[in-house]
Amino acid sequence: MIKILVIGLIVVIILGIVGITYKMLYNRLQTLNIKIIEADKIINEHLQKRYDYVTNAAQLIKKKIDLDIELFQEIKNLKENNASNINLDEKITEAYSTITTLKEDYPKLGENAKFKDILNDFEESNEIIEASKSYYDKYATSLNSLLSKFPVNIIGKIHKIEKKDYYNTLEINDNLLKNGDNF
């Protein structure tokens, strides 16, 4: 009778430890996943703002210096075709570079208060996006690393938590190479 009680107590203790470990690992996965989702929302929100800034700047450029740039139409087409955020971000960054070049080439455009406001807002939004991308990639790295280990990989499969892609792939690859990791 005592042996059965001891065995039962050991089983309960082992199941308790397994349950607590499972819950801790699941909570860690969920925390990382939530941080990634929040960063992605911020990136999406500011990509939309940057798109609006580029669109407004394009309208001002057309109005002030009667110049129609094909790149602005490409961005509009990408947005309408629901292109990936990475493609949209690249084109918007390219457009911003074009806009700053036009500002230097056409001083009257650069003196326009509304144009200055658009550029300032774009810069602020760009800083937020870059910070959010770093934040996203930091937690995507942690999540991906955690999901590649046992028993977390099983917990991830049970709850359908998958590895995340990176926003700044080149930076991540450079960091992996510096640390001597193979991918």
N, C-alpha and C. Protein backbone atom coordinates (compact mmCIF):
# COMPACT_ATOMS: atom_id res chain seq x y z
N MET A 1 0.82 -1.19 0.00
CA MET A 1 0.00 0.00 0.00
C MET A 1 0.87 1.26 0.00
N ILE A 2 1.93 1.27 0.78
CA ILE A 2 2.83 2.43 0.84
C ILE A 2 3.56 2.59 -0.48
N LYS A 3 3.94 1.45 -1.12
CA LYS A 3 4.64 1.53 -2.41
C LYS A 3 3.74 2.18 -3.46
N ILE A 4 2.48 1.83 -3.47
CA ILE A 4 1.53 2.41 -4.43
C ILE A 4 1.38 3.90 -4.16
N LEU A 5 1.31 4.28 -2.92
CA LEU A 5 1.18 5.69 -2.53
C LEU A 5 2.42 6.47 -2.95
N VAL A 6 3.60 5.93 -2.74
CA VAL A 6 4.86 6.58 -3.11
C VAL A 6 4.94 6.70 -4.64
N ILE A 7 4.62 5.63 -5.36
CA ILE A 7 4.63 5.67 -6.82
C ILE A 7 3.63 6.69 -7.33
N GLY A 8 2.46 6.72 -6.76
CA GLY A 8 1.43 7.70 -7.13
C GLY A 8 1.91 9.12 -6.88
N LEU A 9 2.56 9.35 -5.74
CA LEU A 9 3.09 10.67 -5.39
C LEU A 9 4.19 11.08 -6.38
N ILE A 10 5.06 10.15 -6.74
CA ILE A 10 6.13 10.44 -7.70
C ILE A 10 5.54 10.78 -9.06
N VAL A 11 4.52 10.03 -9.49
CA VAL A 11 3.86 10.30 -10.77
C VAL A 11 3.23 11.70 -10.75
N VAL A 12 2.57 12.04 -9.67
CA VAL A 12 1.94 13.36 -9.55
C VAL A 12 2.99 14.46 -9.59
N ILE A 13 4.11 14.26 -8.91
CA ILE A 13 5.18 15.26 -8.91
C ILE A 13 5.76 15.41 -10.32
N ILE A 14 6.01 14.29 -10.99
CA ILE A 14 6.55 14.35 -12.34
C ILE A 14 5.57 15.04 -13.29
N LEU A 15 4.30 14.69 -13.21
CA LEU A 15 3.29 15.34 -14.05
C LEU A 15 3.19 16.83 -13.73
N GLY A 16 3.33 17.20 -12.48
CA GLY A 16 3.31 18.61 -12.09
C GLY A 16 4.48 19.36 -12.69
N ILE A 17 5.67 18.76 -12.62
CA ILE A 17 6.86 19.40 -13.19
C ILE A 17 6.71 19.54 -14.71
N VAL A 18 6.24 18.47 -15.37
CA VAL A 18 6.02 18.53 -16.82
C VAL A 18 4.99 19.61 -17.16
N GLY A 19 3.91 19.68 -16.40
CA GLY A 19 2.87 20.69 -16.65
C GLY A 19 3.38 22.11 -16.46
N ILE A 20 4.14 22.33 -15.40
CA ILE A 20 4.69 23.67 -15.15
C ILE A 20 5.69 24.04 -16.25
N THR A 21 6.54 23.11 -16.64
CA THR A 21 7.51 23.36 -17.71
C THR A 21 6.80 23.67 -19.02
N TYR A 22 5.78 22.89 -19.34
CA TYR A 22 4.99 23.11 -20.55
C TYR A 22 4.39 24.52 -20.54
N LYS A 23 3.79 24.89 -19.45
CA LYS A 23 3.14 26.20 -19.34
C LYS A 23 4.17 27.34 -19.46
N MET A 24 5.33 27.18 -18.83
CA MET A 24 6.36 28.22 -18.91
C MET A 24 6.87 28.38 -20.34
N LEU A 25 7.12 27.27 -21.01
CA LEU A 25 7.61 27.34 -22.38
C LEU A 25 6.55 27.90 -23.33
N TYR A 26 5.32 27.50 -23.14
CA TYR A 26 4.22 28.01 -23.97
C TYR A 26 4.08 29.52 -23.75
N ASN A 27 4.14 29.97 -22.51
CA ASN A 27 4.04 31.40 -22.23
C ASN A 27 5.18 32.17 -22.87
N ARG A 28 6.37 31.60 -22.86
CA ARG A 28 7.52 32.25 -23.49
C ARG A 28 7.29 32.38 -25.00
N LEU A 29 6.81 31.31 -25.63
CA LEU A 29 6.50 31.36 -27.06
C LEU A 29 5.44 32.42 -27.36
N GLN A 30 4.41 32.45 -26.56
CA GLN A 30 3.32 33.42 -26.77
C GLN A 30 3.81 34.85 -26.58
N THR A 31 4.66 35.07 -25.60
CA THR A 31 5.19 36.41 -25.36
C THR A 31 6.00 36.89 -26.56
N LEU A 32 6.86 36.03 -27.07
CA LEU A 32 7.66 36.39 -28.24
C LEU A 32 6.76 36.63 -29.46
N ASN A 33 5.78 35.77 -29.65
CA ASN A 33 4.87 35.90 -30.78
C ASN A 33 4.08 37.20 -30.71
N ILE A 34 3.63 37.56 -29.54
CA ILE A 34 2.87 38.80 -29.35
C ILE A 34 3.75 40.02 -29.66
N LYS A 35 4.99 39.99 -29.20
CA LYS A 35 5.91 41.11 -29.47
C LYS A 35 6.15 41.26 -30.97
N ILE A 36 6.28 40.14 -31.66
CA ILE A 36 6.47 40.18 -33.11
C ILE A 36 5.24 40.74 -33.81
N ILE A 37 4.07 40.32 -33.40
CA ILE A 37 2.82 40.80 -34.00
C ILE A 37 2.66 42.30 -33.77
N GLU A 38 2.98 42.77 -32.56
CA GLU A 38 2.86 44.20 -32.27
C GLU A 38 3.83 45.01 -33.11
N ALA A 39 5.06 44.54 -33.25
CA ALA A 39 6.04 45.24 -34.09
C ALA A 39 5.57 45.28 -35.54
N ASP A 40 5.01 44.18 -36.01
CA ASP A 40 4.50 44.12 -37.38
C ASP A 40 3.36 45.12 -37.59
N LYS A 41 2.50 45.27 -36.60
CA LYS A 41 1.41 46.25 -36.71
C LYS A 41 1.96 47.67 -36.82
N ILE A 42 2.98 47.97 -36.02
CA ILE A 42 3.59 49.31 -36.07
C ILE A 42 4.24 49.54 -37.43
N ILE A 43 4.93 48.53 -37.94
CA ILE A 43 5.56 48.65 -39.26
C ILE A 43 4.51 48.89 -40.33
N ASN A 44 3.43 48.13 -40.30
CA ASN A 44 2.36 48.30 -41.29
C ASN A 44 1.74 49.68 -41.21
N GLU A 45 1.49 50.14 -40.00
CA GLU A 45 0.89 51.47 -39.80
C GLU A 45 1.80 52.56 -40.37
N HIS A 46 3.08 52.46 -40.12
CA HIS A 46 3.99 53.51 -40.58
C HIS A 46 4.34 53.36 -42.07
N LEU A 47 4.26 52.16 -42.59
CA LEU A 47 4.40 52.02 -44.03
C LEU A 47 3.25 52.73 -44.74
N GLN A 48 2.06 52.61 -44.18
CA GLN A 48 0.90 53.31 -44.74
C GLN A 48 1.11 54.83 -44.67
N LYS A 49 1.64 55.29 -43.54
CA LYS A 49 1.91 56.72 -43.41
C LYS A 49 2.96 57.17 -44.42
N ARG A 50 4.02 56.39 -44.56
CA ARG A 50 5.06 56.74 -45.52
C ARG A 50 4.51 56.74 -46.95
N TYR A 51 3.65 55.80 -47.24
CA TYR A 51 3.00 55.77 -48.56
C TYR A 51 2.21 57.06 -48.76
N ASP A 52 1.46 57.46 -47.75
CA ASP A 52 0.69 58.71 -47.83
C ASP A 52 1.61 59.92 -48.01
N TYR A 53 2.75 59.94 -47.30
CA TYR A 53 3.68 61.06 -47.44
C TYR A 53 4.24 61.13 -48.85
N VAL A 54 4.59 59.97 -49.41
CA VAL A 54 5.13 59.95 -50.77
C VAL A 54 4.06 60.40 -51.76
N THR A 55 2.84 59.94 -51.56
CA THR A 55 1.73 60.34 -52.44
C THR A 55 1.51 61.85 -52.36
N ASN A 56 1.51 62.40 -51.16
CA ASN A 56 1.33 63.85 -50.98
C ASN A 56 2.50 64.63 -51.60
N ALA A 57 3.71 64.11 -51.41
CA ALA A 57 4.87 64.78 -52.00
C ALA A 57 4.80 64.72 -53.52
N ALA A 58 4.35 63.61 -54.07
CA ALA A 58 4.22 63.48 -55.52
C ALA A 58 3.23 64.49 -56.07
N GLN A 59 2.13 64.68 -55.34
CA GLN A 59 1.14 65.67 -55.78
C GLN A 59 1.72 67.08 -55.73
N LEU A 60 2.46 67.38 -54.68
CA LEU A 60 3.10 68.70 -54.58
C LEU A 60 4.13 68.90 -55.68
N ILE A 61 4.90 67.89 -55.96
CA ILE A 61 5.91 67.98 -57.02
C ILE A 61 5.24 68.23 -58.36
N LYS A 62 4.18 67.50 -58.62
CA LYS A 62 3.45 67.69 -59.88
C LYS A 62 2.88 69.11 -59.97
N LYS A 63 2.36 69.58 -58.85
CA LYS A 63 1.73 70.90 -58.82
C LYS A 63 2.76 72.04 -58.91
N LYS A 64 3.85 71.91 -58.15
CA LYS A 64 4.82 73.01 -58.05
C LYS A 64 5.81 73.06 -59.21
N ILE A 65 6.27 71.89 -59.67
CA ILE A 65 7.29 71.92 -60.73
C ILE A 65 6.86 71.16 -61.98
N ASP A 66 5.60 70.75 -62.01
CA ASP A 66 5.02 70.08 -63.17
C ASP A 66 5.90 68.92 -63.66
N LEU A 67 6.20 68.04 -62.70
CA LEU A 67 7.05 66.90 -63.00
C LEU A 67 6.31 65.64 -62.56
N ASP A 68 6.14 64.73 -63.48
CA ASP A 68 5.45 63.47 -63.19
C ASP A 68 6.48 62.35 -63.23
N ILE A 69 6.69 61.69 -62.09
CA ILE A 69 7.73 60.67 -61.99
C ILE A 69 7.10 59.28 -61.98
N GLU A 70 7.61 58.42 -62.82
CA GLU A 70 7.06 57.08 -62.98
C GLU A 70 7.14 56.26 -61.69
N LEU A 71 8.16 56.49 -60.89
CA LEU A 71 8.35 55.75 -59.64
C LEU A 71 7.14 55.90 -58.72
N PHE A 72 6.55 57.08 -58.69
CA PHE A 72 5.38 57.30 -57.84
C PHE A 72 4.20 56.45 -58.29
N GLN A 73 4.06 56.28 -59.59
CA GLN A 73 3.00 55.42 -60.12
C GLN A 73 3.28 53.96 -59.79
N GLU A 74 4.55 53.56 -59.84
CA GLU A 74 4.92 52.19 -59.47
C GLU A 74 4.52 51.88 -58.02
N ILE A 75 4.75 52.84 -57.15
CA ILE A 75 4.40 52.66 -55.73
C ILE A 75 2.90 52.52 -55.58
N LYS A 76 2.18 53.35 -56.30
CA LYS A 76 0.72 53.27 -56.25
C LYS A 76 0.24 51.90 -56.73
N ASN A 77 0.85 51.41 -57.81
CA ASN A 77 0.48 50.09 -58.33
C ASN A 77 0.82 48.98 -57.34
N LEU A 78 1.97 49.07 -56.69
CA LEU A 78 2.34 48.08 -55.69
C LEU A 78 1.32 48.05 -54.55
N LYS A 79 0.93 49.22 -54.11
CA LYS A 79 -0.03 49.33 -53.02
C LYS A 79 -1.38 48.73 -53.43
N GLU A 80 -1.83 49.06 -54.64
CA GLU A 80 -3.12 48.55 -55.11
C GLU A 80 -3.09 47.04 -55.32
N ASN A 81 -1.93 46.50 -55.67
CA ASN A 81 -1.80 45.06 -55.90
C ASN A 81 -1.42 44.29 -54.64
N ASN A 82 -1.47 44.97 -53.51
CA ASN A 82 -1.14 44.35 -52.21
C ASN A 82 0.21 43.64 -52.23
N ALA A 83 1.22 44.35 -52.67
CA ALA A 83 2.58 43.80 -52.69
C ALA A 83 3.07 43.60 -51.26
N SER A 84 4.11 42.84 -51.12
CA SER A 84 4.65 42.59 -49.78
C SER A 84 5.18 43.89 -49.18
N ASN A 85 5.21 43.93 -47.87
CA ASN A 85 5.71 45.12 -47.18
C ASN A 85 7.16 45.40 -47.53
N ILE A 86 7.92 44.36 -47.75
CA ILE A 86 9.34 44.55 -48.07
C ILE A 86 9.49 45.24 -49.41
N ASN A 87 8.74 44.81 -50.42
CA ASN A 87 8.80 45.46 -51.74
C ASN A 87 8.30 46.90 -51.67
N LEU A 88 7.20 47.09 -50.96
CA LEU A 88 6.65 48.44 -50.82
C LEU A 88 7.64 49.35 -50.10
N ASP A 89 8.25 48.84 -49.05
CA ASP A 89 9.22 49.62 -48.28
C ASP A 89 10.41 50.01 -49.14
N GLU A 90 10.90 49.10 -49.95
CA GLU A 90 12.03 49.40 -50.84
C GLU A 90 11.68 50.51 -51.82
N LYS A 91 10.50 50.41 -52.42
CA LYS A 91 10.09 51.42 -53.41
C LYS A 91 9.84 52.78 -52.74
N ILE A 92 9.26 52.75 -51.57
CA ILE A 92 9.02 54.01 -50.85
C ILE A 92 10.34 54.67 -50.48
N THR A 93 11.30 53.87 -50.06
CA THR A 93 12.63 54.40 -49.72
C THR A 93 13.29 54.99 -50.96
N GLU A 94 13.14 54.31 -52.08
CA GLU A 94 13.67 54.82 -53.34
C GLU A 94 12.99 56.13 -53.72
N ALA A 95 11.68 56.20 -53.51
CA ALA A 95 10.93 57.43 -53.82
C ALA A 95 11.38 58.57 -52.91
N TYR A 96 11.62 58.25 -51.65
CA TYR A 96 12.08 59.28 -50.71
C TYR A 96 13.42 59.85 -51.16
N SER A 97 14.30 58.98 -51.63
CA SER A 97 15.59 59.42 -52.13
C SER A 97 15.40 60.35 -53.33
N THR A 98 14.48 60.00 -54.20
CA THR A 98 14.16 60.84 -55.37
C THR A 98 13.60 62.19 -54.91
N ILE A 99 12.74 62.16 -53.92
CA ILE A 99 12.14 63.40 -53.41
C ILE A 99 13.21 64.31 -52.82
N THR A 100 14.13 63.75 -52.05
CA THR A 100 15.19 64.59 -51.46
C THR A 100 16.11 65.15 -52.55
N THR A 101 16.33 64.39 -53.61
CA THR A 101 17.13 64.89 -54.73
C THR A 101 16.41 66.05 -55.42
N LEU A 102 15.11 65.89 -55.60
CA LEU A 102 14.33 66.98 -56.21
C LEU A 102 14.34 68.23 -55.33
N LYS A 103 14.33 68.02 -54.03
CA LYS A 103 14.38 69.15 -53.10
C LYS A 103 15.66 69.96 -53.31
N GLU A 104 16.77 69.25 -53.55
CA GLU A 104 18.04 69.93 -53.77
C GLU A 104 18.08 70.58 -55.15
N ASP A 105 17.49 69.92 -56.14
CA ASP A 105 17.52 70.44 -57.52
C ASP A 105 16.56 71.61 -57.73
N TYR A 106 15.49 71.64 -56.97
CA TYR A 106 14.48 72.70 -57.10
C TYR A 106 14.33 73.41 -55.75
N PRO A 107 15.11 74.44 -55.52
CA PRO A 107 15.10 75.11 -54.21
C PRO A 107 13.72 75.64 -53.80
N LYS A 108 12.92 76.08 -54.77
CA LYS A 108 11.58 76.58 -54.43
C LYS A 108 10.73 75.47 -53.82
N LEU A 109 10.90 74.27 -54.31
CA LEU A 109 10.18 73.13 -53.77
C LEU A 109 10.61 72.87 -52.33
N GLY A 110 11.90 72.94 -52.09
CA GLY A 110 12.44 72.71 -50.75
C GLY A 110 12.02 73.77 -49.74
N GLU A 111 11.65 74.95 -50.23
CA GLU A 111 11.23 76.03 -49.34
C GLU A 111 9.75 75.95 -48.98
N ASN A 112 9.00 75.15 -49.69
CA ASN A 112 7.57 75.00 -49.44
C ASN A 112 7.34 74.38 -48.06
N ALA A 113 6.53 75.05 -47.23
CA ALA A 113 6.30 74.60 -45.85
C ALA A 113 5.64 73.23 -45.79
N LYS A 114 4.67 73.01 -46.68
CA LYS A 114 3.98 71.71 -46.68
C LYS A 114 4.95 70.60 -47.08
N PHE A 115 5.82 70.89 -48.04
CA PHE A 115 6.81 69.91 -48.48
C PHE A 115 7.79 69.60 -47.35
N LYS A 116 8.21 70.63 -46.62
CA LYS A 116 9.11 70.43 -45.47
C LYS A 116 8.43 69.55 -44.41
N ASP A 117 7.15 69.82 -44.17
CA ASP A 117 6.41 69.02 -43.18
C ASP A 117 6.34 67.55 -43.60
N ILE A 118 6.09 67.33 -44.88
CA ILE A 118 6.03 65.95 -45.38
C ILE A 118 7.37 65.25 -45.16
N LEU A 119 8.46 65.93 -45.48
CA LEU A 119 9.79 65.33 -45.31
C LEU A 119 10.09 65.06 -43.83
N ASN A 120 9.74 65.99 -42.97
CA ASN A 120 9.96 65.77 -41.53
C ASN A 120 9.14 64.59 -41.01
N ASP A 121 7.88 64.55 -41.40
CA ASP A 121 7.02 63.44 -40.98
C ASP A 121 7.56 62.11 -41.51
N PHE A 122 8.04 62.13 -42.74
CA PHE A 122 8.60 60.92 -43.33
C PHE A 122 9.82 60.45 -42.53
N GLU A 123 10.68 61.38 -42.16
CA GLU A 123 11.89 61.03 -41.39
C GLU A 123 11.50 60.42 -40.04
N GLU A 124 10.54 61.03 -39.36
CA GLU A 124 10.09 60.49 -38.07
C GLU A 124 9.52 59.09 -38.23
N SER A 125 8.70 58.91 -39.24
CA SER A 125 8.10 57.61 -39.49
C SER A 125 9.17 56.59 -39.86
N ASN A 126 10.15 57.01 -40.60
CA ASN A 126 11.24 56.13 -40.99
C ASN A 126 12.02 55.64 -39.77
N GLU A 127 12.26 56.52 -38.81
CA GLU A 127 12.96 56.12 -37.59
C GLU A 127 12.15 55.10 -36.81
N ILE A 128 10.85 55.30 -36.74
CA ILE A 128 9.98 54.36 -36.03
C ILE A 128 9.99 53.00 -36.73
N ILE A 129 9.92 53.01 -38.05
CA ILE A 129 9.93 51.75 -38.80
C ILE A 129 11.25 51.01 -38.58
N GLU A 130 12.35 51.71 -38.66
CA GLU A 130 13.65 51.06 -38.48
C GLU A 130 13.78 50.46 -37.08
N ALA A 131 13.31 51.20 -36.07
CA ALA A 131 13.34 50.66 -34.71
C ALA A 131 12.43 49.45 -34.58
N SER A 132 11.26 49.52 -35.19
CA SER A 132 10.32 48.41 -35.13
C SER A 132 10.85 47.18 -35.87
N LYS A 133 11.55 47.39 -36.97
CA LYS A 133 12.15 46.28 -37.70
C LYS A 133 13.21 45.59 -36.83
N SER A 134 14.03 46.38 -36.17
CA SER A 134 15.05 45.79 -35.29
C SER A 134 14.39 45.02 -34.16
N TYR A 135 13.36 45.59 -33.59
CA TYR A 135 12.60 44.95 -32.52
C TYR A 135 12.00 43.64 -33.02
N TYR A 136 11.37 43.70 -34.18
CA TYR A 136 10.75 42.52 -34.80
C TYR A 136 11.81 41.43 -35.01
N ASP A 137 12.92 41.81 -35.64
CA ASP A 137 13.96 40.83 -35.95
C ASP A 137 14.60 40.24 -34.69
N LYS A 138 14.75 41.06 -33.67
CA LYS A 138 15.30 40.57 -32.40
C LYS A 138 14.42 39.46 -31.84
N TYR A 139 13.12 39.70 -31.80
CA TYR A 139 12.22 38.71 -31.23
C TYR A 139 11.95 37.55 -32.18
N ALA A 140 12.04 37.80 -33.49
CA ALA A 140 11.92 36.70 -34.45
C ALA A 140 13.12 35.76 -34.30
N THR A 141 14.29 36.31 -34.07
CA THR A 141 15.47 35.48 -33.84
C THR A 141 15.30 34.63 -32.59
N SER A 142 14.81 35.24 -31.52
CA SER A 142 14.59 34.50 -30.27
C SER A 142 13.54 33.41 -30.46
N LEU A 143 12.45 33.74 -31.13
CA LEU A 143 11.38 32.76 -31.36
C LEU A 143 11.89 31.61 -32.23
N ASN A 144 12.56 31.93 -33.31
CA ASN A 144 13.07 30.90 -34.21
C ASN A 144 14.08 29.99 -33.51
N SER A 145 14.91 30.60 -32.70
CA SER A 145 15.90 29.81 -31.95
C SER A 145 15.20 28.88 -30.96
N LEU A 146 14.21 29.40 -30.28
CA LEU A 146 13.47 28.61 -29.30
C LEU A 146 12.71 27.47 -29.99
N LEU A 147 12.11 27.77 -31.14
CA LEU A 147 11.34 26.75 -31.85
C LEU A 147 12.20 25.64 -32.46
N SER A 148 13.49 25.85 -32.50
CA SER A 148 14.36 24.81 -33.06
C SER A 148 14.88 23.85 -31.99
N LYS A 149 14.42 24.04 -30.75
CA LYS A 149 14.88 23.19 -29.65
C LYS A 149 13.76 22.30 -29.14
N PHE A 150 14.17 21.14 -28.65
CA PHE A 150 13.24 20.22 -28.02
C PHE A 150 13.07 20.63 -26.57
N PRO A 151 11.95 20.61 -25.98
CA PRO A 151 10.61 20.20 -26.38
C PRO A 151 9.76 21.36 -26.91
N VAL A 152 10.37 22.53 -27.05
CA VAL A 152 9.62 23.71 -27.48
C VAL A 152 9.07 23.52 -28.89
N ASN A 153 9.82 22.82 -29.74
CA ASN A 153 9.34 22.60 -31.10
C ASN A 153 8.02 21.82 -31.11
N ILE A 154 7.85 20.91 -30.17
CA ILE A 154 6.60 20.16 -30.08
C ILE A 154 5.47 21.07 -29.60
N ILE A 155 5.76 21.89 -28.61
CA ILE A 155 4.76 22.83 -28.11
C ILE A 155 4.35 23.79 -29.22
N GLY A 156 5.32 24.27 -30.01
CA GLY A 156 5.03 25.16 -31.13
C GLY A 156 4.13 24.50 -32.16
N LYS A 157 4.39 23.23 -32.45
CA LYS A 157 3.55 22.50 -33.42
C LYS A 157 2.14 22.30 -32.89
N ILE A 158 2.03 22.00 -31.61
CA ILE A 158 0.71 21.80 -31.02
C ILE A 158 -0.13 23.07 -31.13
N HIS A 159 0.50 24.21 -30.89
CA HIS A 159 -0.22 25.49 -30.89
C HIS A 159 -0.08 26.26 -32.20
N LYS A 160 0.51 25.61 -33.21
CA LYS A 160 0.67 26.17 -34.55
C LYS A 160 1.42 27.50 -34.55
N ILE A 161 2.46 27.56 -33.74
CA ILE A 161 3.34 28.72 -33.72
C ILE A 161 4.51 28.38 -34.62
N GLU A 162 4.71 29.20 -35.65
CA GLU A 162 5.72 28.90 -36.65
C GLU A 162 6.85 29.91 -36.59
N LYS A 163 7.97 29.52 -37.21
CA LYS A 163 9.11 30.43 -37.29
C LYS A 163 8.73 31.63 -38.15
N LYS A 164 9.34 32.76 -37.84
CA LYS A 164 9.04 34.01 -38.55
C LYS A 164 10.19 34.40 -39.47
N ASP A 165 9.84 35.02 -40.58
CA ASP A 165 10.85 35.59 -41.47
C ASP A 165 11.35 36.88 -40.86
N TYR A 166 12.50 37.33 -41.34
CA TYR A 166 13.09 38.56 -40.84
C TYR A 166 12.78 39.72 -41.79
N TYR A 167 12.73 40.92 -41.22
CA TYR A 167 12.59 42.12 -42.06
C TYR A 167 13.95 42.51 -42.62
N ASN A 168 14.92 42.58 -41.74
CA ASN A 168 16.26 42.99 -42.15
C ASN A 168 17.14 41.76 -42.34
N THR A 169 16.88 41.01 -43.38
CA THR A 169 17.55 39.73 -43.60
C THR A 169 19.07 39.91 -43.69
N LEU A 170 19.53 40.93 -44.37
CA LEU A 170 20.97 41.11 -44.52
C LEU A 170 21.63 41.34 -43.17
N GLU A 171 21.01 42.15 -42.31
CA GLU A 171 21.58 42.40 -40.99
C GLU A 171 21.63 41.13 -40.17
N ILE A 172 20.58 40.33 -40.23
CA ILE A 172 20.54 39.07 -39.48
C ILE A 172 21.64 38.14 -39.99
N ASN A 173 21.78 38.01 -41.31
CA ASN A 173 22.80 37.14 -41.88
C ASN A 173 24.20 37.61 -41.48
N ASP A 174 24.42 38.93 -41.50
CA ASP A 174 25.72 39.47 -41.10
C ASP A 174 26.01 39.14 -39.64
N ASN A 175 25.00 39.29 -38.78
CA ASN A 175 25.18 38.99 -37.36
C ASN A 175 25.47 37.50 -37.15
N LEU A 176 24.79 36.64 -37.90
CA LEU A 176 25.04 35.21 -37.78
C LEU A 176 26.47 34.87 -38.20
N LEU A 177 26.93 35.51 -39.28
CA LEU A 177 28.28 35.25 -39.75
C LEU A 177 29.32 35.76 -38.76
N LYS A 178 29.06 36.93 -38.16
CA LYS A 178 29.99 37.47 -37.17
C LYS A 178 30.09 36.57 -35.95
N ASN A 179 28.97 35.97 -35.57
CA ASN A 179 28.96 35.11 -34.39
C ASN A 179 29.44 33.70 -34.71
N GLY A 180 29.73 33.44 -35.98
CA GLY A 180 30.25 32.13 -36.38
C GLY A 180 29.17 31.08 -36.53
N ASP A 181 27.90 31.48 -36.55
CA ASP A 181 26.82 30.52 -36.70
C ASP A 181 26.66 30.15 -38.16
N ASN A 182 26.31 28.94 -38.41
CA ASN A 182 25.98 28.49 -39.76
C ASN A 182 24.49 28.44 -39.92
N PHE A 183 24.02 28.77 -41.08
CA PHE A 183 22.61 28.69 -41.32
C PHE A 183 22.38 27.87 -42.48
